[in-house]
N, C-alpha and C. Protein backbone atom coordinates (compact mmCIF):
# COMPACT_ATOMS: atom_id res chain seq x y z
N MET A 1 156.78 127.90 81.77
CA MET A 1 157.20 127.59 83.13
C MET A 1 155.98 127.71 84.04
N ASP A 2 155.74 126.66 84.81
CA ASP A 2 154.65 126.65 85.77
C ASP A 2 155.21 127.05 87.13
N ARG A 3 154.31 127.35 88.06
CA ARG A 3 154.75 127.79 89.38
C ARG A 3 153.84 127.16 90.44
N VAL A 4 154.44 126.69 91.54
CA VAL A 4 153.70 126.14 92.67
C VAL A 4 154.07 127.00 93.87
N THR A 5 153.07 127.35 94.70
CA THR A 5 153.31 128.19 95.87
C THR A 5 153.03 127.41 97.14
N CYS A 6 153.87 127.62 98.15
CA CYS A 6 153.74 126.96 99.44
C CYS A 6 153.86 128.05 100.51
N GLU A 7 152.98 128.06 101.53
CA GLU A 7 152.99 129.12 102.53
C GLU A 7 152.96 128.58 103.96
N PRO A 8 154.06 127.98 104.43
CA PRO A 8 154.09 127.47 105.80
C PRO A 8 154.23 128.60 106.82
N VAL A 9 153.78 128.35 108.03
CA VAL A 9 153.89 129.29 109.15
C VAL A 9 154.58 128.56 110.29
N THR A 10 155.55 129.22 110.93
CA THR A 10 156.29 128.63 112.04
C THR A 10 156.26 129.60 113.21
N ILE A 11 156.03 129.10 114.43
CA ILE A 11 156.03 129.93 115.63
C ILE A 11 157.30 129.64 116.41
N ILE A 12 158.00 130.72 116.78
CA ILE A 12 159.28 130.63 117.51
C ILE A 12 159.18 131.50 118.75
N VAL A 13 159.78 131.09 119.87
CA VAL A 13 159.68 131.85 121.11
C VAL A 13 160.65 133.04 121.18
N ILE A 14 161.54 133.17 120.24
CA ILE A 14 162.53 134.26 120.21
C ILE A 14 161.86 135.50 119.58
N PRO A 15 162.10 136.70 120.13
CA PRO A 15 161.54 137.92 119.54
C PRO A 15 162.04 138.15 118.11
N PRO A 16 161.23 138.79 117.26
CA PRO A 16 161.60 138.97 115.85
C PRO A 16 162.96 139.63 115.62
N ALA A 17 163.27 140.69 116.35
CA ALA A 17 164.54 141.40 116.13
C ALA A 17 165.74 140.49 116.38
N LYS A 18 165.70 139.73 117.45
CA LYS A 18 166.81 138.84 117.80
C LYS A 18 166.92 137.68 116.81
N LEU A 19 165.79 137.09 116.44
CA LEU A 19 165.81 135.98 115.50
C LEU A 19 166.24 136.43 114.11
N PHE A 20 165.76 137.59 113.67
CA PHE A 20 166.13 138.12 112.35
C PHE A 20 167.64 138.37 112.30
N LYS A 21 168.17 138.98 113.34
CA LYS A 21 169.60 139.26 113.38
C LYS A 21 170.41 137.96 113.29
N ALA A 22 169.99 136.95 114.05
CA ALA A 22 170.73 135.69 114.07
C ALA A 22 170.54 134.90 112.78
N PHE A 23 169.29 134.73 112.36
CA PHE A 23 168.97 133.82 111.26
C PHE A 23 169.23 134.42 109.89
N VAL A 24 169.17 135.75 109.78
CA VAL A 24 169.35 136.40 108.48
C VAL A 24 170.68 137.16 108.42
N LEU A 25 170.88 138.10 109.32
CA LEU A 25 172.06 138.97 109.25
C LEU A 25 173.35 138.25 109.63
N ASN A 26 173.28 137.33 110.59
CA ASN A 26 174.48 136.61 111.03
C ASN A 26 174.43 135.13 110.67
N ALA A 27 173.66 134.79 109.66
CA ALA A 27 173.44 133.39 109.30
C ALA A 27 174.73 132.64 109.00
N ASN A 28 175.64 133.25 108.29
CA ASN A 28 176.87 132.54 107.92
C ASN A 28 177.66 132.08 109.14
N ASN A 29 177.62 132.86 110.21
CA ASN A 29 178.34 132.49 111.43
C ASN A 29 177.56 131.51 112.29
N LEU A 30 176.25 131.66 112.34
CA LEU A 30 175.44 130.91 113.29
C LEU A 30 174.98 129.54 112.78
N ILE A 31 174.53 129.47 111.55
CA ILE A 31 173.88 128.25 111.06
C ILE A 31 174.81 127.04 111.15
N ARG A 32 176.05 127.19 110.82
CA ARG A 32 177.01 126.07 110.90
C ARG A 32 177.16 125.58 112.34
N LYS A 33 177.09 126.52 113.30
CA LYS A 33 177.22 126.14 114.70
C LYS A 33 176.02 125.32 115.19
N VAL A 34 174.83 125.70 114.77
CA VAL A 34 173.63 125.04 115.29
C VAL A 34 173.22 123.81 114.49
N ALA A 35 173.75 123.66 113.28
CA ALA A 35 173.35 122.52 112.45
C ALA A 35 174.56 121.86 111.77
N PRO A 36 175.59 121.49 112.54
CA PRO A 36 176.76 120.87 111.91
C PRO A 36 176.43 119.53 111.26
N HIS A 37 175.35 118.91 111.69
CA HIS A 37 174.91 117.65 111.10
C HIS A 37 174.34 117.84 109.70
N ALA A 38 173.94 119.08 109.39
CA ALA A 38 173.29 119.37 108.12
C ALA A 38 174.13 120.23 107.19
N ILE A 39 174.88 121.17 107.75
CA ILE A 39 175.58 122.15 106.93
C ILE A 39 177.08 122.02 107.14
N GLN A 40 177.77 121.75 106.06
CA GLN A 40 179.22 121.59 106.10
C GLN A 40 179.90 122.95 106.13
N LYS A 41 179.45 123.89 105.23
CA LYS A 41 180.01 125.23 105.25
C LYS A 41 179.08 126.21 104.54
N THR A 42 179.21 127.48 104.90
CA THR A 42 178.49 128.57 104.24
C THR A 42 179.51 129.60 103.78
N GLU A 43 179.25 130.20 102.63
CA GLU A 43 180.19 131.17 102.08
C GLU A 43 179.43 132.29 101.38
N ILE A 44 179.96 133.50 101.47
CA ILE A 44 179.48 134.60 100.63
C ILE A 44 180.39 134.62 99.41
N LEU A 45 179.81 134.41 98.23
CA LEU A 45 180.60 134.39 97.01
C LEU A 45 180.73 135.79 96.40
N ASP A 46 179.70 136.62 96.61
CA ASP A 46 179.71 137.96 96.05
C ASP A 46 178.75 138.82 96.85
N GLY A 47 179.15 140.03 97.20
CA GLY A 47 178.27 140.96 97.89
C GLY A 47 178.60 141.13 99.36
N ASP A 48 177.77 141.93 100.02
CA ASP A 48 178.00 142.29 101.41
C ASP A 48 176.94 141.77 102.37
N GLY A 49 176.08 140.87 101.91
CA GLY A 49 175.01 140.33 102.74
C GLY A 49 173.65 140.93 102.43
N GLY A 50 173.65 142.06 101.71
CA GLY A 50 172.40 142.71 101.34
C GLY A 50 171.86 142.18 100.02
N PRO A 51 170.84 142.84 99.49
CA PRO A 51 170.27 142.41 98.21
C PRO A 51 171.35 142.28 97.13
N GLY A 52 171.24 141.22 96.36
CA GLY A 52 172.20 140.95 95.31
C GLY A 52 173.33 140.02 95.73
N THR A 53 173.49 139.82 97.04
CA THR A 53 174.55 138.94 97.55
C THR A 53 174.28 137.50 97.10
N ILE A 54 175.34 136.84 96.67
CA ILE A 54 175.26 135.43 96.29
C ILE A 54 175.95 134.62 97.39
N LYS A 55 175.22 133.64 97.94
CA LYS A 55 175.75 132.78 98.99
C LYS A 55 175.71 131.33 98.53
N LYS A 56 176.61 130.54 99.10
CA LYS A 56 176.64 129.11 98.81
C LYS A 56 176.60 128.35 100.13
N ILE A 57 175.74 127.36 100.19
CA ILE A 57 175.68 126.47 101.34
C ILE A 57 176.06 125.08 100.85
N THR A 58 177.06 124.50 101.50
CA THR A 58 177.46 123.13 101.20
C THR A 58 176.93 122.25 102.32
N PHE A 59 176.12 121.27 101.95
CA PHE A 59 175.45 120.42 102.93
C PHE A 59 176.24 119.15 103.19
N VAL A 60 176.03 118.61 104.37
CA VAL A 60 176.49 117.26 104.66
C VAL A 60 175.60 116.37 103.80
N GLU A 61 176.19 115.57 102.96
CA GLU A 61 175.44 114.88 101.90
C GLU A 61 174.28 114.03 102.41
N ILE A 62 174.44 113.32 103.49
CA ILE A 62 173.37 112.44 103.98
C ILE A 62 172.15 113.27 104.36
N TRP A 63 172.34 114.38 105.06
CA TRP A 63 171.22 115.23 105.47
C TRP A 63 170.51 115.77 104.24
N PHE A 64 171.27 116.26 103.27
CA PHE A 64 170.66 116.88 102.10
C PHE A 64 169.85 115.88 101.30
N LEU A 65 170.34 114.67 101.18
CA LEU A 65 169.59 113.65 100.45
C LEU A 65 168.23 113.42 101.09
N ARG A 66 168.18 113.48 102.39
CA ARG A 66 166.92 113.22 103.09
C ARG A 66 165.88 114.29 102.81
N PHE A 67 166.29 115.54 102.67
CA PHE A 67 165.34 116.63 102.52
C PHE A 67 165.31 117.24 101.13
N SER A 68 166.00 116.66 100.19
CA SER A 68 166.04 117.19 98.84
C SER A 68 164.71 117.00 98.13
N ILE A 69 164.34 117.96 97.32
CA ILE A 69 163.14 117.84 96.50
C ILE A 69 163.25 116.62 95.61
N LEU A 70 164.45 116.29 95.18
CA LEU A 70 164.65 115.21 94.23
C LEU A 70 164.99 113.88 94.88
N ALA A 71 164.89 113.79 96.20
CA ALA A 71 165.30 112.56 96.89
C ALA A 71 164.26 111.46 96.69
N LYS A 72 164.26 110.89 95.52
CA LYS A 72 163.37 109.80 95.20
C LYS A 72 164.23 108.57 95.02
N ALA A 73 164.10 107.60 95.85
CA ALA A 73 164.77 106.31 95.74
C ALA A 73 166.00 106.31 94.86
N GLY A 74 167.01 107.05 95.29
CA GLY A 74 168.29 106.98 94.60
C GLY A 74 168.45 107.92 93.42
N SER A 75 167.47 108.78 93.12
CA SER A 75 167.60 109.64 91.95
C SER A 75 168.48 110.84 92.20
N CYS A 76 168.87 111.08 93.43
CA CYS A 76 169.71 112.24 93.75
C CYS A 76 170.88 111.77 94.60
N SER A 77 171.87 111.20 93.96
CA SER A 77 172.97 110.60 94.71
C SER A 77 174.12 111.57 94.96
N HIS A 78 174.04 112.79 94.45
CA HIS A 78 175.17 113.71 94.61
C HIS A 78 174.75 115.12 94.99
N CYS A 79 173.62 115.26 95.68
CA CYS A 79 173.15 116.58 96.12
C CYS A 79 174.05 117.09 97.23
N LYS A 80 174.74 118.20 96.96
CA LYS A 80 175.71 118.67 97.94
C LYS A 80 175.62 120.16 98.26
N TYR A 81 175.09 120.97 97.38
CA TYR A 81 175.17 122.41 97.63
C TYR A 81 173.99 123.14 96.98
N VAL A 82 173.80 124.38 97.42
CA VAL A 82 172.89 125.32 96.75
C VAL A 82 173.55 126.69 96.74
N LYS A 83 173.26 127.44 95.71
CA LYS A 83 173.63 128.85 95.66
C LYS A 83 172.34 129.64 95.62
N TYR A 84 172.32 130.71 96.40
CA TYR A 84 171.13 131.55 96.39
C TYR A 84 171.51 133.02 96.40
N ARG A 85 170.58 133.80 95.89
CA ARG A 85 170.77 135.25 95.80
C ARG A 85 169.82 135.91 96.80
N MET A 86 170.36 136.78 97.63
CA MET A 86 169.51 137.56 98.52
C MET A 86 168.78 138.60 97.67
N ASP A 87 167.47 138.56 97.66
CA ASP A 87 166.67 139.49 96.86
C ASP A 87 166.22 140.69 97.67
N LYS A 88 166.03 140.50 98.97
CA LYS A 88 165.50 141.56 99.82
C LYS A 88 165.99 141.34 101.24
N VAL A 89 166.46 142.41 101.88
CA VAL A 89 166.82 142.38 103.29
C VAL A 89 166.29 143.67 103.90
N ASP A 90 165.22 143.56 104.67
CA ASP A 90 164.58 144.72 105.29
C ASP A 90 164.63 144.52 106.80
N ASP A 91 165.74 144.96 107.43
CA ASP A 91 165.89 144.72 108.86
C ASP A 91 165.01 145.61 109.71
N ALA A 92 164.46 146.69 109.16
CA ALA A 92 163.53 147.53 109.91
C ALA A 92 162.18 146.84 110.09
N ASN A 93 161.77 146.06 109.09
CA ASN A 93 160.47 145.37 109.14
C ASN A 93 160.60 143.86 109.26
N PHE A 94 161.83 143.37 109.48
CA PHE A 94 162.11 141.95 109.67
C PHE A 94 161.59 141.09 108.51
N LYS A 95 161.97 141.47 107.30
CA LYS A 95 161.59 140.71 106.10
C LYS A 95 162.85 140.43 105.29
N TYR A 96 162.87 139.26 104.69
CA TYR A 96 163.94 138.97 103.74
C TYR A 96 163.42 138.02 102.69
N GLY A 97 164.08 138.08 101.54
CA GLY A 97 163.71 137.20 100.44
C GLY A 97 164.96 136.73 99.73
N TYR A 98 164.89 135.55 99.17
CA TYR A 98 166.02 135.00 98.43
C TYR A 98 165.51 134.10 97.33
N SER A 99 166.37 133.85 96.36
CA SER A 99 166.06 132.90 95.28
C SER A 99 167.18 131.88 95.19
N LEU A 100 166.80 130.63 95.27
CA LEU A 100 167.73 129.53 95.05
C LEU A 100 167.95 129.48 93.54
N VAL A 101 169.18 129.73 93.11
CA VAL A 101 169.44 129.88 91.68
C VAL A 101 170.34 128.81 91.08
N GLU A 102 170.98 128.02 91.92
CA GLU A 102 171.86 126.97 91.40
C GLU A 102 172.02 125.90 92.46
N GLY A 103 172.25 124.69 92.01
CA GLY A 103 172.52 123.60 92.92
C GLY A 103 171.81 122.34 92.51
N ASP A 104 172.28 121.27 93.09
CA ASP A 104 171.76 119.96 92.76
C ASP A 104 170.26 119.83 93.06
N ALA A 105 169.76 120.57 94.02
CA ALA A 105 168.35 120.47 94.41
C ALA A 105 167.41 120.89 93.28
N LEU A 106 167.86 121.76 92.41
CA LEU A 106 167.00 122.20 91.31
C LEU A 106 166.86 121.14 90.23
N GLY A 107 167.93 120.40 90.00
CA GLY A 107 167.91 119.31 89.05
C GLY A 107 167.28 119.66 87.71
N GLU A 108 166.60 118.71 87.14
CA GLU A 108 165.93 118.87 85.85
C GLU A 108 164.53 119.44 86.00
N VAL A 109 164.02 119.51 87.23
CA VAL A 109 162.63 119.87 87.47
C VAL A 109 162.43 121.37 87.70
N LEU A 110 163.32 121.99 88.45
CA LEU A 110 163.10 123.38 88.86
C LEU A 110 164.06 124.35 88.19
N GLU A 111 163.52 125.49 87.82
CA GLU A 111 164.35 126.58 87.33
C GLU A 111 164.92 127.37 88.51
N LYS A 112 164.06 127.64 89.52
CA LYS A 112 164.49 128.31 90.74
C LYS A 112 163.40 128.16 91.80
N ILE A 113 163.77 128.49 93.03
CA ILE A 113 162.82 128.59 94.13
C ILE A 113 163.01 129.97 94.73
N SER A 114 161.94 130.75 94.82
CA SER A 114 162.01 132.07 95.44
C SER A 114 161.19 132.04 96.73
N SER A 115 161.77 132.56 97.81
CA SER A 115 161.10 132.57 99.10
C SER A 115 161.16 133.96 99.71
N GLU A 116 160.10 134.31 100.42
CA GLU A 116 160.10 135.54 101.19
C GLU A 116 159.58 135.21 102.58
N THR A 117 160.28 135.72 103.60
CA THR A 117 159.92 135.44 104.99
C THR A 117 159.74 136.75 105.74
N THR A 118 158.69 136.81 106.56
CA THR A 118 158.43 137.95 107.44
C THR A 118 158.37 137.43 108.87
N PHE A 119 159.08 138.11 109.78
CA PHE A 119 159.09 137.78 111.19
C PHE A 119 158.11 138.72 111.88
N VAL A 120 156.99 138.20 112.38
CA VAL A 120 155.92 139.01 112.95
C VAL A 120 155.89 138.84 114.47
N GLN A 121 155.83 139.95 115.19
CA GLN A 121 155.80 139.93 116.66
C GLN A 121 154.55 139.22 117.18
N CYS A 122 154.74 138.35 118.16
CA CYS A 122 153.62 137.70 118.85
C CYS A 122 153.35 138.46 120.15
N PRO A 123 152.12 138.42 120.65
CA PRO A 123 151.83 139.10 121.92
C PRO A 123 152.64 138.56 123.10
N ASP A 124 153.04 137.28 123.05
CA ASP A 124 153.79 136.68 124.15
C ASP A 124 155.30 136.93 124.07
N GLY A 125 155.76 137.72 123.08
CA GLY A 125 157.18 138.06 122.96
C GLY A 125 157.92 137.27 121.90
N GLY A 126 157.37 136.18 121.44
CA GLY A 126 158.00 135.40 120.38
C GLY A 126 157.64 135.97 119.02
N CYS A 127 157.75 135.15 118.00
CA CYS A 127 157.37 135.64 116.67
C CYS A 127 156.82 134.50 115.81
N ILE A 128 156.11 134.91 114.80
CA ILE A 128 155.58 134.01 113.79
C ILE A 128 156.37 134.27 112.52
N LEU A 129 156.87 133.22 111.91
CA LEU A 129 157.54 133.33 110.62
C LEU A 129 156.54 132.96 109.55
N LYS A 130 156.25 133.92 108.70
CA LYS A 130 155.35 133.67 107.58
C LYS A 130 156.20 133.61 106.33
N ARG A 131 156.14 132.47 105.65
CA ARG A 131 156.96 132.28 104.45
C ARG A 131 156.07 132.01 103.25
N THR A 132 156.50 132.55 102.14
CA THR A 132 155.90 132.21 100.86
C THR A 132 157.03 131.72 99.97
N SER A 133 156.91 130.50 99.50
CA SER A 133 157.91 129.93 98.60
C SER A 133 157.25 129.62 97.28
N LYS A 134 157.89 130.03 96.21
CA LYS A 134 157.39 129.77 94.86
C LYS A 134 158.39 128.87 94.15
N TYR A 135 157.91 127.75 93.68
CA TYR A 135 158.72 126.77 92.97
C TYR A 135 158.46 126.96 91.48
N PHE A 136 159.47 127.41 90.75
CA PHE A 136 159.34 127.65 89.32
C PHE A 136 159.75 126.38 88.58
N ILE A 137 158.79 125.74 87.96
CA ILE A 137 158.97 124.41 87.38
C ILE A 137 159.28 124.52 85.90
N LYS A 138 160.27 123.74 85.47
CA LYS A 138 160.63 123.68 84.05
C LYS A 138 159.65 122.77 83.31
N GLY A 139 159.28 123.17 82.11
CA GLY A 139 158.48 122.31 81.24
C GLY A 139 157.23 121.78 81.88
N ASP A 140 156.96 120.50 81.68
CA ASP A 140 155.73 119.89 82.19
C ASP A 140 155.98 118.97 83.39
N HIS A 141 157.06 119.21 84.11
CA HIS A 141 157.36 118.42 85.30
C HIS A 141 156.35 118.74 86.41
N GLU A 142 156.26 117.84 87.39
CA GLU A 142 155.43 118.06 88.57
C GLU A 142 156.28 117.96 89.82
N ILE A 143 155.85 118.64 90.87
CA ILE A 143 156.47 118.50 92.18
C ILE A 143 155.38 117.99 93.10
N LYS A 144 155.66 116.91 93.76
CA LYS A 144 154.68 116.34 94.67
C LYS A 144 154.73 117.09 96.00
N ASN A 145 153.56 117.24 96.64
CA ASN A 145 153.47 117.96 97.91
C ASN A 145 154.40 117.40 98.97
N ILE A 146 154.61 116.10 99.00
CA ILE A 146 155.49 115.50 99.99
C ILE A 146 156.90 116.06 99.88
N ARG A 147 157.36 116.34 98.69
CA ARG A 147 158.71 116.87 98.51
C ARG A 147 158.80 118.29 99.07
N LYS A 148 157.80 119.13 98.85
CA LYS A 148 157.81 120.48 99.41
C LYS A 148 157.78 120.43 100.93
N LYS A 149 157.01 119.51 101.49
CA LYS A 149 156.95 119.37 102.94
C LYS A 149 158.30 118.96 103.50
N GLN A 150 159.02 118.09 102.81
CA GLN A 150 160.33 117.68 103.28
C GLN A 150 161.31 118.84 103.29
N VAL A 151 161.29 119.67 102.26
CA VAL A 151 162.18 120.83 102.21
C VAL A 151 161.84 121.80 103.34
N ASN A 152 160.54 122.09 103.54
CA ASN A 152 160.15 122.99 104.61
C ASN A 152 160.46 122.41 105.98
N SER A 153 160.36 121.10 106.14
CA SER A 153 160.71 120.44 107.38
C SER A 153 162.20 120.64 107.69
N GLY A 154 163.05 120.57 106.67
CA GLY A 154 164.48 120.80 106.86
C GLY A 154 164.77 122.21 107.32
N LYS A 155 164.09 123.19 106.71
CA LYS A 155 164.27 124.59 107.12
C LYS A 155 163.81 124.78 108.56
N GLU A 156 162.69 124.17 108.93
CA GLU A 156 162.18 124.31 110.29
C GLU A 156 163.13 123.69 111.30
N LYS A 157 163.76 122.58 110.98
CA LYS A 157 164.70 121.96 111.91
C LYS A 157 165.87 122.89 112.20
N VAL A 158 166.35 123.59 111.19
CA VAL A 158 167.44 124.54 111.41
C VAL A 158 166.93 125.72 112.25
N LEU A 159 165.71 126.19 111.98
CA LEU A 159 165.13 127.28 112.78
C LEU A 159 165.00 126.87 114.24
N PHE A 160 164.52 125.67 114.50
CA PHE A 160 164.36 125.22 115.88
C PHE A 160 165.71 125.05 116.56
N ALA A 161 166.74 124.69 115.81
CA ALA A 161 168.09 124.61 116.37
C ALA A 161 168.58 126.01 116.75
N VAL A 162 168.28 127.00 115.92
CA VAL A 162 168.63 128.40 116.24
C VAL A 162 167.86 128.84 117.48
N GLU A 163 166.59 128.50 117.55
CA GLU A 163 165.76 128.86 118.70
C GLU A 163 166.33 128.29 120.00
N ALA A 164 166.81 127.06 119.97
CA ALA A 164 167.38 126.43 121.15
C ALA A 164 168.74 127.04 121.51
N TYR A 165 169.50 127.44 120.51
CA TYR A 165 170.86 127.95 120.71
C TYR A 165 170.88 129.38 121.28
N LEU A 166 170.02 130.24 120.78
CA LEU A 166 170.09 131.67 121.12
C LEU A 166 169.97 132.01 122.60
N PRO A 167 169.01 131.50 123.33
CA PRO A 167 168.91 131.89 124.75
C PRO A 167 170.13 131.51 125.57
N VAL A 168 170.82 130.48 125.19
CA VAL A 168 171.98 129.99 125.95
C VAL A 168 173.26 130.72 125.57
N HIS A 169 173.42 131.03 124.27
CA HIS A 169 174.70 131.55 123.77
C HIS A 169 174.73 133.02 123.42
N VAL A 170 173.60 133.67 123.32
CA VAL A 170 173.60 135.07 122.89
C VAL A 170 172.97 135.95 123.96
């Protein structure tokens, strides 16, 4: 099994504590509200939200096709959901990690995707999200950089929707 690492950085104007609470601790309630065009439903299948919790996100199919790792000219016609396991939730230091362990996005190419995110305080009151994502590749398959950028672009769009929503509603 080969591994590819991606380390995008995102700057958000919301302070780390508020963004962490919304985006990580209250994600099941908030994400569907801010991204109904992308997320059909979120569910906790097992656990209490902490490490070991298994969650399922069911996507609106059109959105998921656009940002799927496997969205190559019709090769992913039924991408609808992902299941992931919360690996780490550190609300004192604003860090969390998860592993995508099941779903159409993994297809024949990926065994799993593991990500860890840290919310770092900015001097201006906002925060920097530092993410490390590791793509665990099956066999001798390759993942093109454009596909990783599309997945990270989808995550950022949801983050920016949360950023726009929080000052008005919370």
